[in-house]
Amino acid sequence: MGVKVEIDPFLAEGAAVVKVEIEAASTGDCIMEVVRRYPAMEMMIFSRPGQLRDYMSILVNGKVVYPEPLSAPVRSGDVVYLLVLLAGG
């Protein structure tokens, strides 16, 4: 059993939430594997290498990982969520 990663439908271009299971030690490892599998998502997730876009939020087991969202440790059985924060009025 690895780490489950659930990807916001916005990043998956309107498809249902994409769920993948991977082996990883950190949230950054998880995201890099997602980008490896789905290269088109890289521009939507990162503003530059190693820098998440302002509208991205990462959660591990339902808890926001902040202020270092790419270095939070993960272990087998954890669920990592890549969410797009929406704003508007």
C-alpha atoms as a PDB file:
ATOM      1  CA  MET A   1       0.000   0.000   0.000  1.00  0.00           C
ATOM      2  CA  GLY A   2       1.410   3.355  -0.996  1.00  0.00           C
ATOM      3  CA  VAL A   3       0.391   6.980  -0.655  1.00  0.00           C
ATOM      4  CA  LYS A   4      -2.892   7.863  -2.323  1.00  0.00           C
ATOM      5  CA  VAL A   5      -2.950  11.157  -4.203  1.00  0.00           C
ATOM      6  CA  GLU A   6      -6.267  12.760  -5.146  1.00  0.00           C
ATOM      7  CA  ILE A   7      -6.086  15.543  -7.716  1.00  0.00           C
ATOM      8  CA  ASP A   8      -8.623  18.351  -8.012  1.00  0.00           C
ATOM      9  CA  PRO A   9     -10.816  17.975 -11.139  1.00  0.00           C
ATOM     10  CA  PHE A  10      -9.733  21.470 -12.255  1.00  0.00           C
ATOM     11  CA  LEU A  11      -6.180  20.159 -12.715  1.00  0.00           C
ATOM     12  CA  ALA A  12      -7.496  17.088 -14.481  1.00  0.00           C
ATOM     13  CA  GLU A  13      -9.167  19.285 -17.097  1.00  0.00           C
ATOM     14  CA  GLY A  14     -12.685  18.629 -15.863  1.00  0.00           C
ATOM     15  CA  ALA A  15     -12.386  14.863 -15.487  1.00  0.00           C
ATOM     16  CA  ALA A  16     -13.499  13.211 -12.278  1.00  0.00           C
ATOM     17  CA  VAL A  17     -10.983  13.482  -9.454  1.00  0.00           C
ATOM     18  CA  VAL A  18      -7.850  11.676 -10.537  1.00  0.00           C
ATOM     19  CA  LYS A  19      -6.632   9.199  -7.954  1.00  0.00           C
ATOM     20  CA  VAL A  20      -3.220   7.609  -8.104  1.00  0.00           C
ATOM     21  CA  GLU A  21      -1.267   5.491  -5.656  1.00  0.00           C
ATOM     22  CA  ILE A  22       2.476   5.969  -5.427  1.00  0.00           C
ATOM     23  CA  GLU A  23       5.471   5.289  -3.224  1.00  0.00           C
ATOM     24  CA  ALA A  24       6.822   8.540  -1.786  1.00  0.00           C
ATOM     25  CA  ALA A  25       8.489   9.986   1.306  1.00  0.00           C
ATOM     26  CA  SER A  26       7.232  13.590   1.038  1.00  0.00           C
ATOM     27  CA  THR A  27       4.467  15.665  -0.470  1.00  0.00           C
ATOM     28  CA  GLY A  28       6.991  17.028  -2.967  1.00  0.00           C
ATOM     29  CA  ASP A  29       7.817  13.487  -4.095  1.00  0.00           C
ATOM     30  CA  CYS A  30       4.094  12.844  -4.543  1.00  0.00           C
ATOM     31  CA  ILE A  31       3.591  15.919  -6.700  1.00  0.00           C
ATOM     32  CA  MET A  32       6.654  15.233  -8.825  1.00  0.00           C
ATOM     33  CA  GLU A  33       5.340  11.734  -9.542  1.00  0.00           C
ATOM     34  CA  VAL A  34       1.942  13.160 -10.492  1.00  0.00           C
ATOM     35  CA  VAL A  35       3.678  15.587 -12.875  1.00  0.00           C
ATOM     36  CA  ARG A  36       5.736  12.733 -14.316  1.00  0.00           C
ATOM     37  CA  ARG A  37       2.535  10.801 -15.036  1.00  0.00           C
ATOM     38  CA  TYR A  38       0.504  13.835 -16.140  1.00  0.00           C
ATOM     39  CA  PRO A  39       2.979  16.374 -17.617  1.00  0.00           C
ATOM     40  CA  ALA A  40       0.258  18.832 -18.651  1.00  0.00           C
ATOM     41  CA  MET A  41      -0.465  19.514 -14.978  1.00  0.00           C
ATOM     42  CA  GLU A  42       2.993  20.945 -14.270  1.00  0.00           C
ATOM     43  CA  MET A  43       2.179  24.434 -15.545  1.00  0.00           C
ATOM     44  CA  MET A  44      -1.020  24.511 -13.489  1.00  0.00           C
ATOM     45  CA  ILE A  45       0.655  23.331 -10.263  1.00  0.00           C
ATOM     46  CA  PHE A  46       3.978  25.200 -10.348  1.00  0.00           C
ATOM     47  CA  SER A  47       4.736  28.854 -11.128  1.00  0.00           C
ATOM     48  CA  ARG A  48       8.420  27.901 -11.375  1.00  0.00           C
ATOM     49  CA  PRO A  49      10.393  24.798 -10.337  1.00  0.00           C
ATOM     50  CA  GLY A  50       9.752  24.066  -6.673  1.00  0.00           C
ATOM     51  CA  GLN A  51       7.247  26.921  -6.250  1.00  0.00           C
ATOM     52  CA  LEU A  52       3.547  26.105  -6.039  1.00  0.00           C
ATOM     53  CA  ARG A  53       1.119  28.511  -7.646  1.00  0.00           C
ATOM     54  CA  ASP A  54      -0.662  30.773  -5.158  1.00  0.00           C
ATOM     55  CA  TYR A  55      -3.976  29.014  -5.749  1.00  0.00           C
ATOM     56  CA  MET A  56      -2.653  25.535  -4.901  1.00  0.00           C
ATOM     57  CA  SER A  57      -3.145  23.901  -1.526  1.00  0.00           C
ATOM     58  CA  ILE A  58      -1.843  20.537  -0.385  1.00  0.00           C
ATOM     59  CA  LEU A  59      -3.448  18.497   2.360  1.00  0.00           C
ATOM     60  CA  VAL A  60      -2.290  15.286   3.993  1.00  0.00           C
ATOM     61  CA  ASN A  61      -5.064  13.244   5.576  1.00  0.00           C
ATOM     62  CA  GLY A  62      -7.334  16.295   5.442  1.00  0.00           C
ATOM     63  CA  LYS A  63      -4.888  18.718   7.109  1.00  0.00           C
ATOM     64  CA  VAL A  64      -3.250  21.609   5.259  1.00  0.00           C
ATOM     65  CA  VAL A  65       0.544  21.335   5.139  1.00  0.00           C
ATOM     66  CA  TYR A  66       1.856  24.843   5.531  1.00  0.00           C
ATOM     67  CA  PRO A  67       4.297  26.683   5.398  1.00  0.00           C
ATOM     68  CA  GLU A  68       6.418  24.026   3.650  1.00  0.00           C
ATOM     69  CA  PRO A  69       3.885  22.211   1.470  1.00  0.00           C
ATOM     70  CA  LEU A  70       6.468  20.300  -0.577  1.00  0.00           C
ATOM     71  CA  SER A  71       8.463  18.852   2.312  1.00  0.00           C
ATOM     72  CA  ALA A  72       5.784  17.360   4.554  1.00  0.00           C
ATOM     73  CA  PRO A  73       6.521  13.696   5.276  1.00  0.00           C
ATOM     74  CA  VAL A  74       4.095  11.041   4.078  1.00  0.00           C
ATOM     75  CA  ARG A  75       3.895   7.327   4.676  1.00  0.00           C
ATOM     76  CA  SER A  76       2.041   4.353   3.320  1.00  0.00           C
ATOM     77  CA  GLY A  77      -1.695   4.722   3.826  1.00  0.00           C
ATOM     78  CA  ASP A  78      -1.700   8.537   3.817  1.00  0.00           C
ATOM     79  CA  VAL A  79      -3.943  10.466   1.439  1.00  0.00           C
ATOM     80  CA  VAL A  80      -2.530  13.597  -0.222  1.00  0.00           C
ATOM     81  CA  TYR A  81      -4.964  16.044  -1.799  1.00  0.00           C
ATOM     82  CA  LEU A  82      -3.943  18.585  -4.447  1.00  0.00           C
ATOM     83  CA  LEU A  83      -6.600  21.287  -4.299  1.00  0.00           C
ATOM     84  CA  VAL A  84      -7.200  24.445  -6.275  1.00  0.00           C
ATOM     85  CA  LEU A  85      -8.337  27.336  -4.097  1.00  0.00           C
ATOM     86  CA  LEU A  86     -11.125  29.303  -5.699  1.00  0.00           C
ATOM     87  CA  ALA A  87     -12.023  32.903  -5.047  1.00  0.00           C
ATOM     88  CA  GLY A  88     -14.606  35.221  -6.356  1.00  0.00           C
ATOM     89  CA  GLY A  89     -17.694  37.062  -5.475  1.00  0.00           C
END
